[in-house]
Amino acid sequence: MHTLFDFISSVNGIEYALALLFMFGFVIFGEILKPKPFEGLAKAVVEDIGFIKAERKGKVLQSIRSLALAPLCGLLYLAAVPVLFVHGIAVLGGKVIVATTSVGWSPVQAYFTSRKQGKKAPAKRNLD
């Protein structure tokens, strides 16, 4: 490890491996503590495999349709990005223009432009 990138990627890799080990260890430890270890887990795996096999036949046409539409969705995204960027800049510019050209009095503007209304001192009374 000679660079910061090497150090960070090594540390992140170790953290990722430890996280996976702790997750798998937790599942295995929890299964060992049950009266019939791994029976429920094996049953769930068999049910999931059966569900995937049953759903596979009906999903083939939908998968082909999704794969055919993927390039079109990508092109639509590429076309929308510049339009959305221009829209965002226009909205921001509009807010700036409205803020700078608005007519009216506000305490903050008056304070910063030194046009705040000062309090008049009470008039002194002559008691002659």
C-alpha atoms as a PDB file:
ATOM      1  CA  MET A   1       0.000   0.000   0.000  1.00  0.00           C
ATOM      2  CA  HIS A   2       1.809   3.033  -1.271  1.00  0.00           C
ATOM      3  CA  THR A   3      -1.042   5.457  -1.917  1.00  0.00           C
ATOM      4  CA  LEU A   4      -4.076   6.698  -0.055  1.00  0.00           C
ATOM      5  CA  PHE A   5      -6.319   5.058  -2.671  1.00  0.00           C
ATOM      6  CA  ASP A   6      -4.675   1.676  -2.035  1.00  0.00           C
ATOM      7  CA  PHE A   7      -5.141   2.073   1.711  1.00  0.00           C
ATOM      8  CA  ILE A   8      -8.788   3.168   1.478  1.00  0.00           C
ATOM      9  CA  SER A   9      -9.735   0.470  -1.023  1.00  0.00           C
ATOM     10  CA  SER A  10      -8.022  -2.175   1.109  1.00  0.00           C
ATOM     11  CA  VAL A  11      -9.770  -0.989   4.274  1.00  0.00           C
ATOM     12  CA  ASN A  12     -13.141  -0.813   2.491  1.00  0.00           C
ATOM     13  CA  GLY A  13     -12.627  -4.317   1.087  1.00  0.00           C
ATOM     14  CA  ILE A  14     -11.860  -5.675   4.534  1.00  0.00           C
ATOM     15  CA  GLU A  15     -14.892  -3.902   6.022  1.00  0.00           C
ATOM     16  CA  TYR A  16     -17.111  -5.333   3.283  1.00  0.00           C
ATOM     17  CA  ALA A  17     -15.790  -8.852   3.830  1.00  0.00           C
ATOM     18  CA  LEU A  18     -16.272  -8.539   7.593  1.00  0.00           C
ATOM     19  CA  ALA A  19     -19.834  -7.272   7.132  1.00  0.00           C
ATOM     20  CA  LEU A  20     -20.687 -10.264   4.931  1.00  0.00           C
ATOM     21  CA  LEU A  21     -19.068 -12.679   7.374  1.00  0.00           C
ATOM     22  CA  PHE A  22     -21.000 -11.220  10.293  1.00  0.00           C
ATOM     23  CA  MET A  23     -24.304 -11.440   8.382  1.00  0.00           C
ATOM     24  CA  PHE A  24     -23.751 -15.049   7.373  1.00  0.00           C
ATOM     25  CA  GLY A  25     -22.481 -15.842  10.863  1.00  0.00           C
ATOM     26  CA  PHE A  26     -25.621 -14.355  12.395  1.00  0.00           C
ATOM     27  CA  VAL A  27     -27.870 -16.494  10.170  1.00  0.00           C
ATOM     28  CA  ILE A  28     -25.884 -19.649  10.878  1.00  0.00           C
ATOM     29  CA  PHE A  29     -25.768 -18.944  14.636  1.00  0.00           C
ATOM     30  CA  GLY A  30     -29.525 -18.296  14.669  1.00  0.00           C
ATOM     31  CA  GLU A  31     -30.175 -21.544  12.803  1.00  0.00           C
ATOM     32  CA  ILE A  32     -27.944 -23.550  15.144  1.00  0.00           C
ATOM     33  CA  LEU A  33     -29.934 -22.344  18.153  1.00  0.00           C
ATOM     34  CA  LYS A  34     -33.225 -23.638  16.720  1.00  0.00           C
ATOM     35  CA  PRO A  35     -34.594 -27.068  17.725  1.00  0.00           C
ATOM     36  CA  LYS A  36     -34.301 -28.353  14.138  1.00  0.00           C
ATOM     37  CA  PRO A  37     -31.425 -26.438  12.579  1.00  0.00           C
ATOM     38  CA  PHE A  38     -31.597 -25.476   8.887  1.00  0.00           C
ATOM     39  CA  GLU A  39     -34.954 -27.241   8.328  1.00  0.00           C
ATOM     40  CA  GLY A  40     -36.908 -24.019   7.846  1.00  0.00           C
ATOM     41  CA  LEU A  41     -34.138 -22.493   5.754  1.00  0.00           C
ATOM     42  CA  ALA A  42     -34.010 -25.522   3.435  1.00  0.00           C
ATOM     43  CA  LYS A  43     -37.803 -25.501   3.106  1.00  0.00           C
ATOM     44  CA  ALA A  44     -37.790 -21.801   2.193  1.00  0.00           C
ATOM     45  CA  VAL A  45     -35.073 -22.353  -0.428  1.00  0.00           C
ATOM     46  CA  VAL A  46     -37.058 -25.193  -2.043  1.00  0.00           C
ATOM     47  CA  GLU A  47     -40.210 -23.038  -2.121  1.00  0.00           C
ATOM     48  CA  ASP A  48     -38.300 -20.134  -3.688  1.00  0.00           C
ATOM     49  CA  ILE A  49     -36.846 -22.382  -6.403  1.00  0.00           C
ATOM     50  CA  GLY A  50     -40.312 -23.759  -7.172  1.00  0.00           C
ATOM     51  CA  PHE A  51     -41.752 -20.251  -7.383  1.00  0.00           C
ATOM     52  CA  ILE A  52     -38.999 -19.127  -9.765  1.00  0.00           C
ATOM     53  CA  LYS A  53     -39.556 -22.144 -12.030  1.00  0.00           C
ATOM     54  CA  ALA A  54     -43.338 -21.589 -12.092  1.00  0.00           C
ATOM     55  CA  GLU A  55     -43.017 -17.873 -12.851  1.00  0.00           C
ATOM     56  CA  ARG A  56     -40.334 -18.304 -15.494  1.00  0.00           C
ATOM     57  CA  LYS A  57     -42.784 -19.456 -18.187  1.00  0.00           C
ATOM     58  CA  GLY A  58     -45.034 -16.411 -17.884  1.00  0.00           C
ATOM     59  CA  LYS A  59     -42.209 -13.903 -17.604  1.00  0.00           C
ATOM     60  CA  VAL A  60     -40.349 -14.771 -20.822  1.00  0.00           C
ATOM     61  CA  LEU A  61     -42.463 -12.494 -23.050  1.00  0.00           C
ATOM     62  CA  GLN A  62     -42.317  -9.674 -20.518  1.00  0.00           C
ATOM     63  CA  SER A  63     -38.528 -10.024 -20.268  1.00  0.00           C
ATOM     64  CA  ILE A  64     -38.132  -9.910 -24.053  1.00  0.00           C
ATOM     65  CA  ARG A  65     -40.338  -6.807 -24.181  1.00  0.00           C
ATOM     66  CA  SER A  66     -38.282  -5.120 -21.444  1.00  0.00           C
ATOM     67  CA  LEU A  67     -35.023  -5.937 -23.214  1.00  0.00           C
ATOM     68  CA  ALA A  68     -36.380  -4.529 -26.486  1.00  0.00           C
ATOM     69  CA  LEU A  69     -37.505  -1.279 -24.807  1.00  0.00           C
ATOM     70  CA  ALA A  70     -34.273  -0.749 -22.846  1.00  0.00           C
ATOM     71  CA  PRO A  71     -32.434   1.108 -25.660  1.00  0.00           C
ATOM     72  CA  LEU A  72     -35.454   3.347 -26.219  1.00  0.00           C
ATOM     73  CA  CYS A  73     -35.616   4.203 -22.527  1.00  0.00           C
ATOM     74  CA  GLY A  74     -31.891   5.007 -22.610  1.00  0.00           C
ATOM     75  CA  LEU A  75     -32.348   7.323 -25.595  1.00  0.00           C
ATOM     76  CA  LEU A  76     -35.309   9.016 -23.906  1.00  0.00           C
ATOM     77  CA  TYR A  77     -33.169   9.582 -20.815  1.00  0.00           C
ATOM     78  CA  LEU A  78     -30.320  11.025 -22.895  1.00  0.00           C
ATOM     79  CA  ALA A  79     -32.759  13.355 -24.654  1.00  0.00           C
ATOM     80  CA  ALA A  80     -34.367  14.462 -21.379  1.00  0.00           C
ATOM     81  CA  VAL A  81     -31.176  15.341 -19.495  1.00  0.00           C
ATOM     82  CA  PRO A  82     -30.348  18.547 -21.455  1.00  0.00           C
ATOM     83  CA  VAL A  83     -33.978  19.664 -21.412  1.00  0.00           C
ATOM     84  CA  LEU A  84     -34.207  19.174 -17.657  1.00  0.00           C
ATOM     85  CA  PHE A  85     -30.895  20.999 -17.187  1.00  0.00           C
ATOM     86  CA  VAL A  86     -32.130  24.008 -19.164  1.00  0.00           C
ATOM     87  CA  HIS A  87     -35.404  23.937 -17.217  1.00  0.00           C
ATOM     88  CA  GLY A  88     -33.528  23.952 -13.905  1.00  0.00           C
ATOM     89  CA  ILE A  89     -31.329  26.857 -14.982  1.00  0.00           C
ATOM     90  CA  ALA A  90     -34.382  28.784 -16.236  1.00  0.00           C
ATOM     91  CA  VAL A  91     -36.252  28.302 -12.961  1.00  0.00           C
ATOM     92  CA  LEU A  92     -33.216  29.410 -10.963  1.00  0.00           C
ATOM     93  CA  GLY A  93     -32.708  32.420 -13.227  1.00  0.00           C
ATOM     94  CA  GLY A  94     -36.368  33.334 -12.906  1.00  0.00           C
ATOM     95  CA  LYS A  95     -36.152  33.281  -9.129  1.00  0.00           C
ATOM     96  CA  VAL A  96     -33.066  35.503  -9.210  1.00  0.00           C
ATOM     97  CA  ILE A  97     -34.732  37.996 -11.560  1.00  0.00           C
ATOM     98  CA  VAL A  98     -37.886  38.124  -9.459  1.00  0.00           C
ATOM     99  CA  ALA A  99     -35.860  38.599  -6.287  1.00  0.00           C
ATOM    100  CA  THR A 100     -33.810  41.455  -7.725  1.00  0.00           C
ATOM    101  CA  THR A 101     -36.624  43.308  -9.479  1.00  0.00           C
ATOM    102  CA  SER A 102     -39.380  42.949  -6.950  1.00  0.00           C
ATOM    103  CA  VAL A 103     -40.787  46.236  -5.733  1.00  0.00           C
ATOM    104  CA  GLY A 104     -41.652  46.452  -2.142  1.00  0.00           C
ATOM    105  CA  TRP A 105     -40.277  47.056   1.285  1.00  0.00           C
ATOM    106  CA  SER A 106     -38.851  44.388   3.487  1.00  0.00           C
ATOM    107  CA  PRO A 107     -36.986  44.783   6.758  1.00  0.00           C
ATOM    108  CA  VAL A 108     -33.969  42.846   5.543  1.00  0.00           C
ATOM    109  CA  GLN A 109     -33.552  44.910   2.394  1.00  0.00           C
ATOM    110  CA  ALA A 110     -34.037  48.111   4.344  1.00  0.00           C
ATOM    111  CA  TYR A 111     -31.426  47.088   6.900  1.00  0.00           C
ATOM    112  CA  PHE A 112     -28.806  46.155   4.336  1.00  0.00           C
ATOM    113  CA  THR A 113     -29.394  49.240   2.202  1.00  0.00           C
ATOM    114  CA  SER A 114     -29.399  51.527   5.261  1.00  0.00           C
ATOM    115  CA  ARG A 115     -32.947  52.699   4.627  1.00  0.00           C
ATOM    116  CA  LYS A 116     -34.384  51.391   7.841  1.00  0.00           C
ATOM    117  CA  GLN A 117     -36.966  53.506   9.530  1.00  0.00           C
ATOM    118  CA  GLY A 118     -35.520  54.895  12.694  1.00  0.00           C
ATOM    119  CA  LYS A 119     -37.524  55.420  15.840  1.00  0.00           C
ATOM    120  CA  LYS A 120     -38.202  59.035  16.628  1.00  0.00           C
ATOM    121  CA  ALA A 121     -37.079  60.195  20.021  1.00  0.00           C
ATOM    122  CA  PRO A 122     -39.960  61.269  22.229  1.00  0.00           C
ATOM    123  CA  ALA A 123     -40.454  65.021  22.255  1.00  0.00           C
ATOM    124  CA  LYS A 124     -39.312  66.751  25.397  1.00  0.00           C
ATOM    125  CA  ARG A 125     -41.985  68.666  27.214  1.00  0.00           C
ATOM    126  CA  ASN A 126     -41.372  72.068  28.581  1.00  0.00           C
ATOM    127  CA  LEU A 127     -43.078  72.514  31.912  1.00  0.00           C
ATOM    128  CA  ASP A 128     -42.712  76.315  32.191  1.00  0.00           C
END
